[in-house]
């Protein structure tokens, strides 16, 4: 019974470890795409030959990712401002 429990816990641990690693890797899709382009590019006399369409796609995805991050920053700043106003109002009441 103990061996079966140990085996089940081991499988569960490795499953969660793999899932956590996948989540961690996908936190930065731009880096993942750079790595993919480097791995899939061809070598020529010590240089990497990259498909032009892959570079254009990378450029667009990078710009989109940065834009989304900027939007998230603005949203978080607005939330902070809203919370600061609420704190100020609550302090005035007391």
Protein backbone atom coordinates (compact mmCIF):
# COMPACT_ATOMS: atom_id res chain seq x y z
CA UNK A 1 0.00 0.00 0.00
CA UNK A 2 2.82 2.40 0.91
CA UNK A 3 4.63 1.65 -2.36
CA UNK A 4 1.46 2.41 -4.33
CA UNK A 5 0.98 5.67 -2.45
CA UNK A 6 4.63 6.61 -2.99
CA UNK A 7 4.33 5.81 -6.70
CA UNK A 8 1.16 7.91 -6.99
CA UNK A 9 2.74 10.86 -5.21
CA UNK A 10 5.85 10.60 -7.40
CA UNK A 11 3.77 10.67 -10.58
CA UNK A 12 1.76 13.59 -9.25
CA UNK A 13 4.95 15.49 -8.35
CA UNK A 14 6.49 15.00 -11.80
CA UNK A 15 3.24 16.02 -13.50
CA UNK A 16 3.08 19.27 -11.52
CA UNK A 17 6.77 19.94 -12.14
CA UNK A 18 6.34 19.55 -15.89
CA UNK A 19 3.23 21.74 -15.89
CA UNK A 20 4.95 24.46 -13.86
CA UNK A 21 7.92 24.41 -16.22
CA UNK A 22 5.63 24.76 -19.26
CA UNK A 23 3.89 27.73 -17.66
CA UNK A 24 7.22 29.34 -16.81
CA UNK A 25 8.51 28.93 -20.37
CA UNK A 26 5.43 30.52 -21.90
CA UNK A 27 5.55 33.64 -19.70
CA UNK A 28 7.65 35.35 -22.35
CA UNK A 29 6.42 34.37 -25.82
CA UNK A 30 8.89 36.74 -27.49
CA UNK A 31 11.85 34.93 -25.99
CA UNK A 32 10.30 31.60 -26.96
CA UNK A 33 9.91 32.81 -30.54
CA UNK A 34 13.53 34.07 -30.66
CA UNK A 35 14.71 30.68 -29.42
CA UNK A 36 12.57 28.90 -32.00
CA UNK A 37 13.93 31.03 -34.84
CA UNK A 38 17.52 30.42 -33.72
CA UNK A 39 16.98 26.68 -33.39
CA UNK A 40 15.20 26.39 -36.76
CA UNK A 41 17.55 28.63 -38.74
CA UNK A 42 20.21 27.25 -41.06
CA UNK A 43 23.95 27.61 -40.60
CA UNK A 44 26.17 29.12 -43.29
CA UNK A 45 29.88 29.69 -42.69
CA UNK A 46 29.38 30.36 -38.99
CA UNK A 47 26.33 32.57 -39.51
CA UNK A 48 22.66 31.87 -38.96
CA UNK A 49 20.40 32.18 -41.99
CA UNK A 50 16.90 33.17 -40.93
CA UNK A 51 13.82 33.21 -43.12
CA UNK A 52 12.72 36.80 -43.79
CA UNK A 53 9.06 35.96 -43.15
CA UNK A 54 10.03 34.61 -39.72
CA UNK A 55 11.72 37.93 -38.91
CA UNK A 56 8.66 39.91 -39.99
CA UNK A 57 6.41 37.68 -37.88
CA UNK A 58 8.78 38.07 -34.90
CA UNK A 59 8.75 41.86 -35.32
CA UNK A 60 4.94 41.95 -35.36
CA UNK A 61 4.61 39.62 -32.39
CA UNK A 62 7.18 41.59 -30.41
CA UNK A 63 5.38 44.87 -31.10
CA UNK A 64 2.07 43.30 -30.10
CA UNK A 65 3.56 41.86 -26.90
CA UNK A 66 5.06 45.22 -25.93
CA UNK A 67 1.78 46.98 -26.67
CA UNK A 68 -0.09 44.52 -24.45
CA UNK A 69 2.43 45.07 -21.66
CA UNK A 70 2.04 48.85 -21.99
CA UNK A 71 -1.74 48.49 -21.79
CA UNK A 72 -1.37 46.34 -18.69
CA UNK A 73 0.91 48.97 -17.11
CA UNK A 74 -1.63 51.73 -17.81
CA UNK A 75 -4.42 49.61 -16.33
CA UNK A 76 -2.39 48.90 -13.20
CA UNK A 77 -1.46 52.58 -12.82
CA UNK A 78 -5.14 53.50 -13.08
CA UNK A 79 -5.97 50.93 -10.43
CA UNK A 80 -3.27 52.33 -8.14
CA UNK A 81 -4.57 55.88 -8.67
CA UNK A 82 -8.13 54.75 -7.89
CA UNK A 83 -6.97 52.98 -4.73
CA UNK A 84 -4.95 56.02 -3.64
CA UNK A 85 -8.05 58.19 -4.01
CA UNK A 86 -10.09 55.74 -1.96
CA UNK A 87 -7.41 55.67 0.75
CA UNK A 88 -7.35 59.47 0.86
CA UNK A 89 -11.14 59.62 1.15
CA UNK A 90 -11.16 57.01 3.93
CA UNK A 91 -8.48 58.91 5.84
CA UNK A 92 -10.55 62.10 5.61
CA UNK A 93 -13.57 60.28 7.11
CA UNK A 94 -11.70 59.10 10.17
